Amino acid sequence: MDKKTIDRYEEQARIIKALSHPSRLMVVEELAKGKRCVSELTELVGSDTSTVSKHLSVLKNAGLVFVEKKGTTVFYNLRMPCILDFFNCIESVIEANAFGQMETVISCKTKKG
């Protein structure tokens, strides 16, 4: 594999890693509805402001959100709404996994009965 391809995979992994926390997933989903300030996101996540700010920093560094200042208030907005397509794909995998587990259980019961 050439260096350019490896670098691309590493960058993809870095972005996926930035999403790999439930609070950050919540924040991204909330920002898909529109811009929010830290206090609104803090209430949503249920953590302290410092923790939420760190989560936002990770998302910002990954290029997923951007910052907009209005007076003394800082708002965050989703920079790449297409990330929600990735969320939809993950939901499809979760559903398929659940269906696959059900299918296995049904198959086992059929063999026993």
C-alpha atoms as a PDB file:
ATOM      1  CA  MET A   1       0.000   0.000   0.000  1.00  0.00           C
ATOM      2  CA  ASP A   2       1.373   3.448  -0.880  1.00  0.00           C
ATOM      3  CA  LYS A   3       1.892   6.240   1.646  1.00  0.00           C
ATOM      4  CA  LYS A   4      -0.971   8.344   0.291  1.00  0.00           C
ATOM      5  CA  THR A   5      -3.443   5.500   0.830  1.00  0.00           C
ATOM      6  CA  ILE A   6      -2.108   4.781   4.318  1.00  0.00           C
ATOM      7  CA  ASP A   7      -2.345   8.486   5.206  1.00  0.00           C
ATOM      8  CA  ARG A   8      -5.971   8.565   4.017  1.00  0.00           C
ATOM      9  CA  TYR A   9      -6.880   5.559   6.182  1.00  0.00           C
ATOM     10  CA  GLU A  10      -5.135   7.113   9.173  1.00  0.00           C
ATOM     11  CA  GLU A  11      -7.095  10.332   8.694  1.00  0.00           C
ATOM     12  CA  GLN A  12     -10.356   8.388   8.419  1.00  0.00           C
ATOM     13  CA  ALA A  13      -9.494   6.530  11.631  1.00  0.00           C
ATOM     14  CA  ARG A  14      -8.731   9.834  13.384  1.00  0.00           C
ATOM     15  CA  ILE A  15     -12.172  11.188  12.475  1.00  0.00           C
ATOM     16  CA  ILE A  16     -13.939   7.983  13.520  1.00  0.00           C
ATOM     17  CA  LYS A  17     -11.987   8.026  16.787  1.00  0.00           C
ATOM     18  CA  ALA A  18     -13.211  11.588  17.406  1.00  0.00           C
ATOM     19  CA  LEU A  19     -16.755  10.208  17.256  1.00  0.00           C
ATOM     20  CA  SER A  20     -16.030   7.256  19.512  1.00  0.00           C
ATOM     21  CA  HIS A  21     -17.666   8.573  22.663  1.00  0.00           C
ATOM     22  CA  PRO A  22     -21.410   8.556  23.427  1.00  0.00           C
ATOM     23  CA  SER A  23     -21.370  12.208  24.516  1.00  0.00           C
ATOM     24  CA  ARG A  24     -19.746  13.301  21.270  1.00  0.00           C
ATOM     25  CA  LEU A  25     -22.308  11.305  19.283  1.00  0.00           C
ATOM     26  CA  MET A  26     -25.061  13.091  21.226  1.00  0.00           C
ATOM     27  CA  VAL A  27     -23.469  16.460  20.533  1.00  0.00           C
ATOM     28  CA  VAL A  28     -23.158  15.794  16.795  1.00  0.00           C
ATOM     29  CA  GLU A  29     -26.755  14.667  16.594  1.00  0.00           C
ATOM     30  CA  GLU A  30     -27.912  17.751  18.503  1.00  0.00           C
ATOM     31  CA  LEU A  31     -25.828  20.086  16.334  1.00  0.00           C
ATOM     32  CA  ALA A  32     -27.518  18.593  13.270  1.00  0.00           C
ATOM     33  CA  LYS A  33     -30.633  20.438  14.499  1.00  0.00           C
ATOM     34  CA  GLY A  34     -28.800  23.776  14.571  1.00  0.00           C
ATOM     35  CA  LYS A  35     -26.134  25.727  16.378  1.00  0.00           C
ATOM     36  CA  ARG A  36     -25.895  25.404  20.141  1.00  0.00           C
ATOM     37  CA  CYS A  37     -23.891  27.075  22.886  1.00  0.00           C
ATOM     38  CA  VAL A  38     -21.836  25.132  25.414  1.00  0.00           C
ATOM     39  CA  SER A  39     -24.398  25.559  28.191  1.00  0.00           C
ATOM     40  CA  GLU A  40     -27.134  23.983  26.036  1.00  0.00           C
ATOM     41  CA  LEU A  41     -24.869  21.074  25.158  1.00  0.00           C
ATOM     42  CA  THR A  42     -23.772  20.704  28.777  1.00  0.00           C
ATOM     43  CA  GLU A  43     -27.394  20.299  29.825  1.00  0.00           C
ATOM     44  CA  LEU A  44     -27.975  17.741  27.069  1.00  0.00           C
ATOM     45  CA  VAL A  45     -24.896  15.645  27.850  1.00  0.00           C
ATOM     46  CA  GLY A  46     -25.284  15.914  31.613  1.00  0.00           C
ATOM     47  CA  SER A  47     -21.610  16.594  32.249  1.00  0.00           C
ATOM     48  CA  ASP A  48     -19.774  19.653  33.494  1.00  0.00           C
ATOM     49  CA  THR A  49     -18.875  22.490  31.129  1.00  0.00           C
ATOM     50  CA  SER A  50     -15.189  21.578  31.115  1.00  0.00           C
ATOM     51  CA  THR A  51     -15.883  18.023  29.959  1.00  0.00           C
ATOM     52  CA  VAL A  52     -18.274  19.139  27.235  1.00  0.00           C
ATOM     53  CA  SER A  53     -15.765  21.755  26.077  1.00  0.00           C
ATOM     54  CA  LYS A  54     -13.136  19.015  25.743  1.00  0.00           C
ATOM     55  CA  HIS A  55     -15.556  16.907  23.683  1.00  0.00           C
ATOM     56  CA  LEU A  56     -16.254  19.904  21.453  1.00  0.00           C
ATOM     57  CA  SER A  57     -12.536  20.496  21.037  1.00  0.00           C
ATOM     58  CA  VAL A  58     -12.057  16.903  19.843  1.00  0.00           C
ATOM     59  CA  LEU A  59     -14.891  17.313  17.329  1.00  0.00           C
ATOM     60  CA  LYS A  60     -13.520  20.664  16.174  1.00  0.00           C
ATOM     61  CA  ASN A  61      -9.994  19.289  15.710  1.00  0.00           C
ATOM     62  CA  ALA A  62     -11.446  16.462  13.610  1.00  0.00           C
ATOM     63  CA  GLY A  63     -13.148  19.035  11.380  1.00  0.00           C
ATOM     64  CA  LEU A  64     -16.669  18.012  12.321  1.00  0.00           C
ATOM     65  CA  VAL A  65     -17.805  21.216  14.024  1.00  0.00           C
ATOM     66  CA  PHE A  66     -16.953  24.889  13.799  1.00  0.00           C
ATOM     67  CA  VAL A  67     -17.116  27.743  16.270  1.00  0.00           C
ATOM     68  CA  GLU A  68     -19.013  30.994  15.883  1.00  0.00           C
ATOM     69  CA  LYS A  69     -18.726  33.803  18.445  1.00  0.00           C
ATOM     70  CA  LYS A  70     -21.573  36.225  19.001  1.00  0.00           C
ATOM     71  CA  GLY A  71     -20.624  38.732  21.653  1.00  0.00           C
ATOM     72  CA  THR A  72     -19.478  36.736  24.661  1.00  0.00           C
ATOM     73  CA  THR A  73     -21.347  33.583  23.655  1.00  0.00           C
ATOM     74  CA  VAL A  74     -19.656  30.807  21.695  1.00  0.00           C
ATOM     75  CA  PHE A  75     -21.844  28.710  19.433  1.00  0.00           C
ATOM     76  CA  TYR A  76     -20.977  25.403  17.849  1.00  0.00           C
ATOM     77  CA  ASN A  77     -22.365  24.217  14.557  1.00  0.00           C
ATOM     78  CA  LEU A  78     -22.065  21.010  12.597  1.00  0.00           C
ATOM     79  CA  ARG A  79     -19.539  21.564   9.813  1.00  0.00           C
ATOM     80  CA  MET A  80     -20.162  18.300   7.979  1.00  0.00           C
ATOM     81  CA  PRO A  81     -23.853  17.290   8.098  1.00  0.00           C
ATOM     82  CA  CYS A  82     -23.002  14.346   5.829  1.00  0.00           C
ATOM     83  CA  ILE A  83     -21.656  12.612   8.960  1.00  0.00           C
ATOM     84  CA  LEU A  84     -25.304  11.822   9.701  1.00  0.00           C
ATOM     85  CA  ASP A  85     -25.222   9.415   6.731  1.00  0.00           C
ATOM     86  CA  PHE A  86     -22.567   7.517   8.675  1.00  0.00           C
ATOM     87  CA  PHE A  87     -24.881   7.499  11.708  1.00  0.00           C
ATOM     88  CA  ASN A  88     -27.688   6.081   9.557  1.00  0.00           C
ATOM     89  CA  CYS A  89     -25.362   3.346   8.351  1.00  0.00           C
ATOM     90  CA  ILE A  90     -24.410   2.490  11.935  1.00  0.00           C
ATOM     91  CA  GLU A  91     -28.116   2.239  12.834  1.00  0.00           C
ATOM     92  CA  SER A  92     -28.593  -0.186   9.925  1.00  0.00           C
ATOM     93  CA  VAL A  93     -25.750  -2.335  11.232  1.00  0.00           C
ATOM     94  CA  ILE A  94     -27.286  -2.313  14.737  1.00  0.00           C
ATOM     95  CA  GLU A  95     -30.647  -3.385  13.333  1.00  0.00           C
ATOM     96  CA  ALA A  96     -29.071  -6.096  11.172  1.00  0.00           C
ATOM     97  CA  ASN A  97     -27.116  -7.383  14.161  1.00  0.00           C
ATOM     98  CA  ALA A  98     -30.256  -7.508  16.281  1.00  0.00           C
ATOM     99  CA  PHE A  99     -32.138  -9.289  13.505  1.00  0.00           C
ATOM    100  CA  GLY A 100     -29.232 -11.702  13.034  1.00  0.00           C
ATOM    101  CA  GLN A 101     -29.239 -12.541  16.743  1.00  0.00           C
ATOM    102  CA  MET A 102     -32.993 -13.112  16.652  1.00  0.00           C
ATOM    103  CA  GLU A 103     -32.584 -15.287  13.583  1.00  0.00           C
ATOM    104  CA  THR A 104     -29.957 -17.374  15.417  1.00  0.00           C
ATOM    105  CA  VAL A 105     -32.219 -17.831  18.443  1.00  0.00           C
ATOM    106  CA  ILE A 106     -35.141 -18.874  16.232  1.00  0.00           C
ATOM    107  CA  SER A 107     -32.897 -21.268  14.330  1.00  0.00           C
ATOM    108  CA  CYS A 108     -31.665 -22.880  17.571  1.00  0.00           C
ATOM    109  CA  LYS A 109     -35.222 -23.286  18.906  1.00  0.00           C
ATOM    110  CA  THR A 110     -36.331 -24.865  15.635  1.00  0.00           C
ATOM    111  CA  LYS A 111     -33.503 -27.407  15.746  1.00  0.00           C
ATOM    112  CA  LYS A 112     -34.325 -28.353  19.357  1.00  0.00           C
ATOM    113  CA  GLY A 113     -38.091 -28.562  18.901  1.00  0.00           C
END
